[in-house]
All heavy atoms as atom14 arrays in JSON, in Angstrom:
{
  "sequence": "QYVAVEQSTEKPSTFIKRVTQNASKSEAADEIGGRTWQRYEGSKYDAL",
  "atom14_mask": [
    [1, 1, 1, 1, 1, 1, 1, 1, 1, 0, 0, 0, 0, 0],
    [1, 1, 1, 1, 1, 1, 1, 1, 1, 1, 1, 1, 0, 0],
    [1, 1, 1, 1, 1, 1, 1, 0, 0, 0, 0, 0, 0, 0],
    [1, 1, 1, 1, 1, 0, 0, 0, 0, 0, 0, 0, 0, 0],
    [1, 1, 1, 1, 1, 1, 1, 0, 0, 0, 0, 0, 0, 0],
    [1, 1, 1, 1, 1, 1, 1, 1, 1, 0, 0, 0, 0, 0],
    [1, 1, 1, 1, 1, 1, 1, 1, 1, 0, 0, 0, 0, 0],
    [1, 1, 1, 1, 1, 1, 0, 0, 0, 0, 0, 0, 0, 0],
    [1, 1, 1, 1, 1, 1, 1, 0, 0, 0, 0, 0, 0, 0],
    [1, 1, 1, 1, 1, 1, 1, 1, 1, 0, 0, 0, 0, 0],
    [1, 1, 1, 1, 1, 1, 1, 1, 1, 0, 0, 0, 0, 0],
    [1, 1, 1, 1, 1, 1, 1, 0, 0, 0, 0, 0, 0, 0],
    [1, 1, 1, 1, 1, 1, 0, 0, 0, 0, 0, 0, 0, 0],
    [1, 1, 1, 1, 1, 1, 1, 0, 0, 0, 0, 0, 0, 0],
    [1, 1, 1, 1, 1, 1, 1, 1, 1, 1, 1, 0, 0, 0],
    [1, 1, 1, 1, 1, 1, 1, 1, 0, 0, 0, 0, 0, 0],
    [1, 1, 1, 1, 1, 1, 1, 1, 1, 0, 0, 0, 0, 0],
    [1, 1, 1, 1, 1, 1, 1, 1, 1, 1, 1, 0, 0, 0],
    [1, 1, 1, 1, 1, 1, 1, 0, 0, 0, 0, 0, 0, 0],
    [1, 1, 1, 1, 1, 1, 1, 0, 0, 0, 0, 0, 0, 0],
    [1, 1, 1, 1, 1, 1, 1, 1, 1, 0, 0, 0, 0, 0],
    [1, 1, 1, 1, 1, 1, 1, 1, 0, 0, 0, 0, 0, 0],
    [1, 1, 1, 1, 1, 0, 0, 0, 0, 0, 0, 0, 0, 0],
    [1, 1, 1, 1, 1, 1, 0, 0, 0, 0, 0, 0, 0, 0],
    [1, 1, 1, 1, 1, 1, 1, 1, 1, 0, 0, 0, 0, 0],
    [1, 1, 1, 1, 1, 1, 0, 0, 0, 0, 0, 0, 0, 0],
    [1, 1, 1, 1, 1, 1, 1, 1, 1, 0, 0, 0, 0, 0],
    [1, 1, 1, 1, 1, 0, 0, 0, 0, 0, 0, 0, 0, 0],
    [1, 1, 1, 1, 1, 0, 0, 0, 0, 0, 0, 0, 0, 0],
    [1, 1, 1, 1, 1, 1, 1, 1, 0, 0, 0, 0, 0, 0],
    [1, 1, 1, 1, 1, 1, 1, 1, 1, 0, 0, 0, 0, 0],
    [1, 1, 1, 1, 1, 1, 1, 1, 0, 0, 0, 0, 0, 0],
    [1, 1, 1, 1, 0, 0, 0, 0, 0, 0, 0, 0, 0, 0],
    [1, 1, 1, 1, 0, 0, 0, 0, 0, 0, 0, 0, 0, 0],
    [1, 1, 1, 1, 1, 1, 1, 1, 1, 1, 1, 0, 0, 0],
    [1, 1, 1, 1, 1, 1, 1, 0, 0, 0, 0, 0, 0, 0],
    [1, 1, 1, 1, 1, 1, 1, 1, 1, 1, 1, 1, 1, 1],
    [1, 1, 1, 1, 1, 1, 1, 1, 1, 0, 0, 0, 0, 0],
    [1, 1, 1, 1, 1, 1, 1, 1, 1, 1, 1, 0, 0, 0],
    [1, 1, 1, 1, 1, 1, 1, 1, 1, 1, 1, 1, 0, 0],
    [1, 1, 1, 1, 1, 1, 1, 1, 1, 0, 0, 0, 0, 0],
    [1, 1, 1, 1, 0, 0, 0, 0, 0, 0, 0, 0, 0, 0],
    [1, 1, 1, 1, 1, 1, 0, 0, 0, 0, 0, 0, 0, 0],
    [1, 1, 1, 1, 1, 1, 1, 1, 1, 0, 0, 0, 0, 0],
    [1, 1, 1, 1, 1, 1, 1, 1, 1, 1, 1, 1, 0, 0],
    [1, 1, 1, 1, 1, 1, 1, 1, 0, 0, 0, 0, 0, 0],
    [1, 1, 1, 1, 1, 0, 0, 0, 0, 0, 0, 0, 0, 0],
    [1, 1, 1, 1, 1, 1, 1, 1, 0, 0, 0, 0, 0, 0]
  ],
  "atom14_positions": [
    [[9.25, -14.73, 1.45], [8.28, -13.9, 0.61], [8.85, -12.44, 0.66], [9.57, -12.01, 1.58], [6.81, -13.84, 1.22], [6.18, -15.26, 1.03], [5.99, -15.55, -0.44], [5.53, -14.79, -1.21], [6.38, -16.82, -0.75], [0.0, 0.0, 0.0], [0.0, 0.0, 0.0], [0.0, 0.0, 0.0], [0.0, 0.0, 0.0], [0.0, 0.0, 0.0]],
    [[8.67, -11.68, -0.42], [9.2, -10.3, -0.55], [8.36, -9.33, 0.2], [7.07, -9.28, 0.19], [9.23, -10.0, -2.02], [9.71, -8.64, -2.28], [11.02, -8.23, -2.12], [8.9, -7.55, -2.85], [11.5, -7.07, -2.35], [9.34, -6.39, -3.18], [10.73, -6.05, -2.93], [11.19, -4.84, -3.18], [0.0, 0.0, 0.0], [0.0, 0.0, 0.0]],
    [[9.04, -8.4, 0.96], [8.44, -7.3, 1.64], [9.3, -6.08, 1.36], [10.46, -6.14, 1.53], [8.2, -7.6, 3.11], [7.74, -6.39, 3.82], [7.4, -8.79, 3.49], [0.0, 0.0, 0.0], [0.0, 0.0, 0.0], [0.0, 0.0, 0.0], [0.0, 0.0, 0.0], [0.0, 0.0, 0.0], [0.0, 0.0, 0.0], [0.0, 0.0, 0.0]],
    [[8.59, -4.98, 1.0], [9.35, -3.78, 0.81], [8.8, -2.55, 1.52], [7.58, -2.51, 1.65], [9.38, -3.45, -0.67], [0.0, 0.0, 0.0], [0.0, 0.0, 0.0], [0.0, 0.0, 0.0], [0.0, 0.0, 0.0], [0.0, 0.0, 0.0], [0.0, 0.0, 0.0], [0.0, 0.0, 0.0], [0.0, 0.0, 0.0], [0.0, 0.0, 0.0]],
    [[9.59, -1.68, 1.94], [9.26, -0.43, 2.58], [9.59, 0.57, 1.51], [10.75, 0.72, 1.09], [10.07, -0.08, 3.92], [9.65, 1.29, 4.41], [9.79, -1.22, 4.86], [0.0, 0.0, 0.0], [0.0, 0.0, 0.0], [0.0, 0.0, 0.0], [0.0, 0.0, 0.0], [0.0, 0.0, 0.0], [0.0, 0.0, 0.0], [0.0, 0.0, 0.0]],
    [[8.54, 1.33, 1.09], [8.67, 2.37, 0.05], [8.18, 3.69, 0.57], [7.12, 3.76, 1.26], [7.86, 1.98, -1.17], [8.07, 0.6, -1.75], [9.33, 0.47, -2.62], [9.99, 1.43, -2.82], [9.61, -0.75, -2.96], [0.0, 0.0, 0.0], [0.0, 0.0, 0.0], [0.0, 0.0, 0.0], [0.0, 0.0, 0.0], [0.0, 0.0, 0.0]],
    [[8.93, 4.8, 0.42], [8.44, 6.06, 0.82], [8.83, 7.14, -0.37], [9.88, 6.91, -1.0], [9.19, 6.51, 2.08], [8.64, 5.94, 3.34], [9.32, 6.36, 4.56], [10.59, 6.17, 4.71], [8.58, 7.18, 5.37], [0.0, 0.0, 0.0], [0.0, 0.0, 0.0], [0.0, 0.0, 0.0], [0.0, 0.0, 0.0], [0.0, 0.0, 0.0]],
    [[7.97, 8.07, -0.41], [8.27, 9.15, -1.42], [7.26, 10.41, -1.18], [6.34, 10.26, -0.51], [7.98, 8.55, -2.82], [8.28, 9.64, -3.85], [0.0, 0.0, 0.0], [0.0, 0.0, 0.0], [0.0, 0.0, 0.0], [0.0, 0.0, 0.0], [0.0, 0.0, 0.0], [0.0, 0.0, 0.0], [0.0, 0.0, 0.0], [0.0, 0.0, 0.0]],
    [[7.79, 11.5, -1.69], [7.05, 12.75, -1.74], [6.21, 12.83, -2.94], [5.52, 13.85, -3.19], [7.84, 13.96, -1.5], [8.88, 14.04, -2.58], [8.61, 13.96, -0.13], [0.0, 0.0, 0.0], [0.0, 0.0, 0.0], [0.0, 0.0, 0.0], [0.0, 0.0, 0.0], [0.0, 0.0, 0.0], [0.0, 0.0, 0.0], [0.0, 0.0, 0.0]],
    [[6.33, 11.91, -3.85], [5.6, 11.87, -5.06], [4.1, 11.91, -4.91], [3.67, 11.45, -3.75], [5.99, 10.52, -5.88], [5.41, 10.47, -7.34], [5.89, 9.21, -7.97], [6.63, 8.46, -7.43], [5.47, 9.09, -9.15], [0.0, 0.0, 0.0], [0.0, 0.0, 0.0], [0.0, 0.0, 0.0], [0.0, 0.0, 0.0], [0.0, 0.0, 0.0]],
    [[3.3, 12.31, -5.82], [1.9, 12.26, -5.63], [1.39, 10.93, -5.18], [1.73, 9.91, -5.81], [1.24, 12.74, -6.99], [-0.29, 12.71, -6.93], [-0.85, 13.05, -8.37], [-2.34, 12.9, -8.33], [-2.87, 12.95, -9.72], [0.0, 0.0, 0.0], [0.0, 0.0, 0.0], [0.0, 0.0, 0.0], [0.0, 0.0, 0.0], [0.0, 0.0, 0.0]],
    [[0.7, 10.86, -4.07], [0.3, 9.56, -3.49], [-0.27, 8.53, -4.42], [0.21, 7.37, -4.43], [-0.67, 9.88, -2.27], [-0.15, 11.31, -1.84], [0.17, 11.89, -3.19], [0.0, 0.0, 0.0], [0.0, 0.0, 0.0], [0.0, 0.0, 0.0], [0.0, 0.0, 0.0], [0.0, 0.0, 0.0], [0.0, 0.0, 0.0], [0.0, 0.0, 0.0]],
    [[-1.3, 8.99, -5.21], [-1.94, 8.0, -6.1], [-0.99, 7.37, -7.09], [-1.02, 6.18, -7.44], [-3.19, 8.66, -6.69], [-2.67, 9.73, -7.54], [0.0, 0.0, 0.0], [0.0, 0.0, 0.0], [0.0, 0.0, 0.0], [0.0, 0.0, 0.0], [0.0, 0.0, 0.0], [0.0, 0.0, 0.0], [0.0, 0.0, 0.0], [0.0, 0.0, 0.0]],
    [[-0.11, 8.25, -7.6], [0.85, 7.69, -8.63], [1.92, 6.85, -7.98], [2.18, 5.69, -8.47], [1.59, 8.94, -9.3], [0.61, 9.86, -9.86], [2.52, 8.47, -10.37], [0.0, 0.0, 0.0], [0.0, 0.0, 0.0], [0.0, 0.0, 0.0], [0.0, 0.0, 0.0], [0.0, 0.0, 0.0], [0.0, 0.0, 0.0], [0.0, 0.0, 0.0]],
    [[2.38, 7.22, -6.8], [3.38, 6.42, -6.09], [2.84, 5.07, -5.71], [3.47, 4.02, -5.92], [3.94, 7.24, -4.91], [4.91, 6.45, -4.09], [6.21, 6.22, -4.52], [4.57, 6.22, -2.8], [7.09, 5.49, -3.73], [5.55, 5.62, -1.99], [6.71, 5.19, -2.4], [0.0, 0.0, 0.0], [0.0, 0.0, 0.0], [0.0, 0.0, 0.0]],
    [[1.62, 5.04, -5.06], [1.05, 3.8, -4.51], [0.87, 2.82, -5.72], [1.18, 1.67, -5.7], [-0.25, 4.19, -3.75], [0.11, 4.95, -2.49], [-1.0, 2.85, -3.44], [-1.09, 5.49, -1.86], [0.0, 0.0, 0.0], [0.0, 0.0, 0.0], [0.0, 0.0, 0.0], [0.0, 0.0, 0.0], [0.0, 0.0, 0.0], [0.0, 0.0, 0.0]],
    [[0.29, 3.38, -6.76], [0.06, 2.47, -7.97], [1.3, 1.9, -8.43], [1.34, 0.65, -8.8], [-0.68, 3.34, -9.06], [-1.04, 2.53, -10.25], [-1.85, 3.45, -11.22], [-2.36, 2.56, -12.38], [-3.25, 3.33, -13.27], [0.0, 0.0, 0.0], [0.0, 0.0, 0.0], [0.0, 0.0, 0.0], [0.0, 0.0, 0.0], [0.0, 0.0, 0.0]],
    [[2.4, 2.63, -8.53], [3.63, 2.14, -9.07], [4.29, 1.11, -8.15], [4.65, 0.0, -8.65], [4.61, 3.26, -9.3], [6.0, 2.87, -9.85], [6.79, 4.08, -10.3], [6.89, 5.15, -9.26], [7.8, 5.12, -8.27], [8.63, 4.11, -8.14], [7.87, 6.16, -7.47], [0.0, 0.0, 0.0], [0.0, 0.0, 0.0], [0.0, 0.0, 0.0]],
    [[4.41, 1.41, -6.88], [5.14, 0.53, -6.03], [4.29, -0.78, -5.55], [4.87, -1.76, -5.14], [5.72, 1.14, -4.76], [6.75, 2.22, -5.14], [4.55, 1.78, -3.87], [0.0, 0.0, 0.0], [0.0, 0.0, 0.0], [0.0, 0.0, 0.0], [0.0, 0.0, 0.0], [0.0, 0.0, 0.0], [0.0, 0.0, 0.0], [0.0, 0.0, 0.0]],
    [[3.04, -0.78, -5.81], [2.19, -1.87, -5.38], [1.74, -2.69, -6.61], [1.01, -3.63, -6.5], [0.82, -1.5, -4.71], [0.11, -0.67, -5.59], [1.08, -0.71, -3.44], [0.0, 0.0, 0.0], [0.0, 0.0, 0.0], [0.0, 0.0, 0.0], [0.0, 0.0, 0.0], [0.0, 0.0, 0.0], [0.0, 0.0, 0.0], [0.0, 0.0, 0.0]],
    [[2.34, -2.33, -7.8], [2.07, -3.04, -9.02], [0.51, -2.94, -9.3], [-0.09, -4.0, -9.56], [2.53, -4.51, -8.95], [3.97, -4.66, -8.59], [4.89, -4.49, -9.73], [4.65, -4.96, -10.83], [6.16, -4.09, -9.43], [0.0, 0.0, 0.0], [0.0, 0.0, 0.0], [0.0, 0.0, 0.0], [0.0, 0.0, 0.0], [0.0, 0.0, 0.0]],
    [[0.01, -1.78, -9.14], [-1.43, -1.59, -9.49], [-2.5, -2.17, -8.54], [-3.59, -2.54, -8.87], [-1.82, -2.04, -10.88], [-1.04, -1.19, -11.91], [-0.93, 0.02, -11.8], [-0.5, -1.89, -12.85], [0.0, 0.0, 0.0], [0.0, 0.0, 0.0], [0.0, 0.0, 0.0], [0.0, 0.0, 0.0], [0.0, 0.0, 0.0], [0.0, 0.0, 0.0]],
    [[-2.09, -2.44, -7.28], [-3.04, -2.89, -6.32], [-4.14, -1.83, -6.07], [-3.93, -0.63, -6.22], [-2.31, -3.13, -4.89], [0.0, 0.0, 0.0], [0.0, 0.0, 0.0], [0.0, 0.0, 0.0], [0.0, 0.0, 0.0], [0.0, 0.0, 0.0], [0.0, 0.0, 0.0], [0.0, 0.0, 0.0], [0.0, 0.0, 0.0], [0.0, 0.0, 0.0]],
    [[-5.32, -2.33, -5.6], [-6.48, -1.51, -5.44], [-6.77, -1.21, -3.86], [-6.69, -2.24, -3.12], [-7.69, -2.03, -6.08], [-7.51, -2.22, -7.41], [0.0, 0.0, 0.0], [0.0, 0.0, 0.0], [0.0, 0.0, 0.0], [0.0, 0.0, 0.0], [0.0, 0.0, 0.0], [0.0, 0.0, 0.0], [0.0, 0.0, 0.0], [0.0, 0.0, 0.0]],
    [[-7.2, 0.01, -3.54], [-7.58, 0.24, -2.21], [-8.79, -0.49, -1.75], [-9.67, -0.67, -2.55], [-7.85, 1.78, -2.15], [-8.11, 2.21, -0.73], [-8.36, 3.75, -0.72], [-8.49, 4.39, 0.65], [-8.63, 5.84, 0.64], [0.0, 0.0, 0.0], [0.0, 0.0, 0.0], [0.0, 0.0, 0.0], [0.0, 0.0, 0.0], [0.0, 0.0, 0.0]],
    [[-8.71, -1.27, -0.66], [-9.8, -2.01, -0.18], [-10.52, -1.24, 0.92], [-10.08, -0.1, 1.28], [-9.29, -3.35, 0.35], [-8.75, -3.22, 1.72], [0.0, 0.0, 0.0], [0.0, 0.0, 0.0], [0.0, 0.0, 0.0], [0.0, 0.0, 0.0], [0.0, 0.0, 0.0], [0.0, 0.0, 0.0], [0.0, 0.0, 0.0], [0.0, 0.0, 0.0]],
    [[-11.58, -1.73, 1.42], [-12.34, -1.14, 2.46], [-11.64, -1.32, 3.84], [-11.93, -0.56, 4.75], [-13.77, -1.77, 2.54], [-14.56, -1.5, 1.28], [-14.84, -0.05, 0.98], [-15.17, 0.7, 1.98], [-14.78, 0.38, -0.19], [0.0, 0.0, 0.0], [0.0, 0.0, 0.0], [0.0, 0.0, 0.0], [0.0, 0.0, 0.0], [0.0, 0.0, 0.0]],
    [[-10.78, -2.28, 3.92], [-10.19, -2.61, 5.27], [-9.04, -1.73, 5.55], [-8.33, -1.2, 4.67], [-9.7, -4.06, 5.2], [0.0, 0.0, 0.0], [0.0, 0.0, 0.0], [0.0, 0.0, 0.0], [0.0, 0.0, 0.0], [0.0, 0.0, 0.0], [0.0, 0.0, 0.0], [0.0, 0.0, 0.0], [0.0, 0.0, 0.0], [0.0, 0.0, 0.0]],
    [[-8.81, -1.47, 6.88], [-7.69, -0.73, 7.43], [-7.33, -1.4, 8.68], [-8.1, -2.05, 9.39], [-8.11, 0.75, 7.67], [0.0, 0.0, 0.0], [0.0, 0.0, 0.0], [0.0, 0.0, 0.0], [0.0, 0.0, 0.0], [0.0, 0.0, 0.0], [0.0, 0.0, 0.0], [0.0, 0.0, 0.0], [0.0, 0.0, 0.0], [0.0, 0.0, 0.0]],
    [[-5.91, -1.33, 8.98], [-5.46, -1.95, 10.07], [-4.8, -0.91, 11.11], [-4.11, 0.07, 10.67], [-4.47, -2.92, 9.8], [-4.94, -4.14, 8.97], [-6.11, -4.53, 9.24], [-4.23, -4.64, 8.11], [0.0, 0.0, 0.0], [0.0, 0.0, 0.0], [0.0, 0.0, 0.0], [0.0, 0.0, 0.0], [0.0, 0.0, 0.0], [0.0, 0.0, 0.0]],
    [[-5.17, -1.06, 12.4], [-4.5, -0.26, 13.35], [-3.12, -0.87, 13.79], [-3.16, -1.98, 14.42], [-5.4, -0.07, 14.59], [-4.92, 0.99, 15.62], [-4.95, 2.44, 15.19], [-5.88, 2.66, 14.22], [-4.19, 3.23, 15.62], [0.0, 0.0, 0.0], [0.0, 0.0, 0.0], [0.0, 0.0, 0.0], [0.0, 0.0, 0.0], [0.0, 0.0, 0.0]],
    [[-1.99, -0.23, 13.43], [-0.74, -0.91, 13.58], [0.23, 0.18, 14.28], [0.3, 1.24, 13.64], [-0.04, -1.45, 12.28], [-1.01, -2.43, 11.68], [1.3, -1.99, 12.69], [-0.63, -2.84, 10.31], [0.0, 0.0, 0.0], [0.0, 0.0, 0.0], [0.0, 0.0, 0.0], [0.0, 0.0, 0.0], [0.0, 0.0, 0.0], [0.0, 0.0, 0.0]],
    [[0.76, -0.08, 15.4], [1.64, 0.92, 16.01], [1.1, 2.27, 16.28], [1.8, 3.25, 16.19], [0.0, 0.0, 0.0], [0.0, 0.0, 0.0], [0.0, 0.0, 0.0], [0.0, 0.0, 0.0], [0.0, 0.0, 0.0], [0.0, 0.0, 0.0], [0.0, 0.0, 0.0], [0.0, 0.0, 0.0], [0.0, 0.0, 0.0], [0.0, 0.0, 0.0]],
    [[-0.2, 2.32, 16.59], [-0.91, 3.59, 16.85], [-1.3, 4.41, 15.6], [-1.66, 5.52, 15.73], [0.0, 0.0, 0.0], [0.0, 0.0, 0.0], [0.0, 0.0, 0.0], [0.0, 0.0, 0.0], [0.0, 0.0, 0.0], [0.0, 0.0, 0.0], [0.0, 0.0, 0.0], [0.0, 0.0, 0.0], [0.0, 0.0, 0.0], [0.0, 0.0, 0.0]],
    [[-1.07, 3.77, 14.49], [-1.48, 4.44, 13.2], [-2.41, 3.56, 12.42], [-2.38, 2.33, 12.45], [-0.24, 4.68, 12.33], [0.71, 5.68, 12.97], [1.92, 5.91, 11.97], [3.07, 5.91, 12.85], [4.34, 5.62, 12.43], [4.43, 5.25, 11.19], [5.33, 5.62, 13.19], [0.0, 0.0, 0.0], [0.0, 0.0, 0.0], [0.0, 0.0, 0.0]],
    [[-3.29, 4.21, 11.59], [-4.17, 3.46, 10.83], [-3.5, 3.32, 9.35], [-3.28, 4.32, 8.64], [-5.49, 4.29, 10.67], [-6.03, 4.4, 11.98], [-6.54, 3.46, 9.78], [0.0, 0.0, 0.0], [0.0, 0.0, 0.0], [0.0, 0.0, 0.0], [0.0, 0.0, 0.0], [0.0, 0.0, 0.0], [0.0, 0.0, 0.0], [0.0, 0.0, 0.0]],
    [[-3.32, 2.11, 9.0], [-2.78, 1.75, 7.66], [-3.97, 1.22, 6.75], [-4.65, 0.42, 7.15], [-1.78, 0.67, 7.77], [-0.51, 1.09, 8.57], [-0.39, 1.19, 9.89], [0.8, 1.35, 7.89], [0.89, 1.6, 10.19], [1.62, 1.72, 9.07], [1.34, 1.41, 6.75], [2.94, 2.03, 8.87], [2.55, 1.64, 6.47], [3.4, 2.03, 7.52]],
    [[-3.99, 1.77, 5.55], [-5.01, 1.37, 4.62], [-4.59, 0.19, 3.88], [-3.39, 0.08, 3.47], [-5.34, 2.62, 3.59], [-6.29, 2.21, 2.54], [-7.72, 2.03, 3.18], [-8.15, 2.86, 3.88], [-8.36, 0.91, 2.81], [0.0, 0.0, 0.0], [0.0, 0.0, 0.0], [0.0, 0.0, 0.0], [0.0, 0.0, 0.0], [0.0, 0.0, 0.0]],
    [[-5.39, -0.79, 3.71], [-5.01, -1.99, 2.92], [-5.25, -1.82, 1.36], [-6.3, -1.25, 0.89], [-5.93, -3.25, 3.36], [-5.45, -3.96, 4.63], [-6.2, -5.16, 4.86], [-5.73, -5.76, 6.01], [-5.83, -7.07, 6.3], [-6.25, -7.83, 5.38], [-5.44, -7.56, 7.37], [0.0, 0.0, 0.0], [0.0, 0.0, 0.0], [0.0, 0.0, 0.0]],
    [[-4.31, -2.28, 0.66], [-4.35, -2.37, -0.82], [-4.22, -3.8, -1.22], [-3.36, -4.53, -0.65], [-3.3, -1.55, -1.49], [-3.69, -0.02, -1.56], [-3.69, 0.73, -0.43], [-4.02, 0.58, -2.71], [-3.93, 2.04, -0.34], [-4.24, 1.91, -2.71], [-4.29, 2.71, -1.53], [-4.6, 3.99, -1.6], [0.0, 0.0, 0.0], [0.0, 0.0, 0.0]],
    [[-5.02, -4.29, -2.2], [-4.93, -5.71, -2.61], [-4.79, -5.73, -4.16], [-5.29, -4.99, -4.81], [-6.25, -6.41, -2.2], [-6.47, -6.49, -0.77], [-7.8, -7.18, -0.36], [-8.57, -7.72, -1.25], [-8.11, -7.25, 0.85], [0.0, 0.0, 0.0], [0.0, 0.0, 0.0], [0.0, 0.0, 0.0], [0.0, 0.0, 0.0], [0.0, 0.0, 0.0]],
    [[-3.81, -6.6, -4.5], [-3.55, -6.78, -5.95], [-3.22, -8.17, -6.34], [-3.19, -8.97, -5.56], [0.0, 0.0, 0.0], [0.0, 0.0, 0.0], [0.0, 0.0, 0.0], [0.0, 0.0, 0.0], [0.0, 0.0, 0.0], [0.0, 0.0, 0.0], [0.0, 0.0, 0.0], [0.0, 0.0, 0.0], [0.0, 0.0, 0.0], [0.0, 0.0, 0.0]],
    [[-3.05, -8.3, -7.65], [-2.83, -9.59, -8.17], [-1.42, -10.08, -7.9], [-1.18, -11.3, -7.78], [-3.18, -9.64, -9.71], [-2.38, -8.78, -10.37], [0.0, 0.0, 0.0], [0.0, 0.0, 0.0], [0.0, 0.0, 0.0], [0.0, 0.0, 0.0], [0.0, 0.0, 0.0], [0.0, 0.0, 0.0], [0.0, 0.0, 0.0], [0.0, 0.0, 0.0]],
    [[-0.51, -9.18, -7.78], [0.91, -9.45, -7.51], [1.26, -9.17, -6.1], [1.85, -9.94, -5.43], [1.72, -8.74, -8.6], [3.24, -9.12, -8.39], [4.08, -8.69, -9.54], [5.53, -9.12, -9.32], [6.36, -8.84, -10.5], [0.0, 0.0, 0.0], [0.0, 0.0, 0.0], [0.0, 0.0, 0.0], [0.0, 0.0, 0.0], [0.0, 0.0, 0.0]],
    [[1.1, -7.89, -5.71], [1.47, -7.47, -4.42], [0.26, -7.01, -3.63], [-0.71, -6.41, -4.19], [2.4, -6.19, -4.49], [3.78, -6.49, -4.96], [4.64, -5.36, -5.39], [4.35, -7.78, -5.06], [5.91, -5.61, -5.79], [5.6, -7.95, -5.55], [6.39, -6.83, -5.9], [7.67, -7.13, -6.32], [0.0, 0.0, 0.0], [0.0, 0.0, 0.0]],
    [[0.27, -7.15, -2.3], [-0.64, -6.51, -1.4], [0.16, -5.38, -0.69], [1.33, -5.41, -0.75], [-1.19, -7.53, -0.4], [-2.15, -8.56, -1.0], [-2.86, -8.18, -1.98], [-2.18, -9.71, -0.54], [0.0, 0.0, 0.0], [0.0, 0.0, 0.0], [0.0, 0.0, 0.0], [0.0, 0.0, 0.0], [0.0, 0.0, 0.0], [0.0, 0.0, 0.0]],
    [[-0.56, -4.5, 0.0], [0.13, -3.38, 0.6], [-0.59, -2.86, 1.82], [-1.78, -3.0, 1.93], [0.44, -2.29, -0.38], [0.0, 0.0, 0.0], [0.0, 0.0, 0.0], [0.0, 0.0, 0.0], [0.0, 0.0, 0.0], [0.0, 0.0, 0.0], [0.0, 0.0, 0.0], [0.0, 0.0, 0.0], [0.0, 0.0, 0.0], [0.0, 0.0, 0.0]],
    [[0.13, -2.16, 2.74], [-0.43, -1.36, 3.84], [0.16, 0.01, 3.51], [1.36, 0.23, 3.18], [0.05, -1.88, 5.14], [-0.39, -3.25, 5.54], [0.34, -3.69, 6.81], [-1.9, -3.16, 5.75], [0.0, 0.0, 0.0], [0.0, 0.0, 0.0], [0.0, 0.0, 0.0], [0.0, 0.0, 0.0], [0.0, 0.0, 0.0], [0.0, 0.0, 0.0]]
  ]
}
């Protein structure tokens, strides 16, 4: 399965929408490696 690490200084909302293929922010968040990652769910890609 495909997994990508994406980073940018672009405006967060624009960047997230583009690299997640329009995934939507969910209510869930995960504590990973001492940081809180917000979950995004989409029809094609999911994301942290």
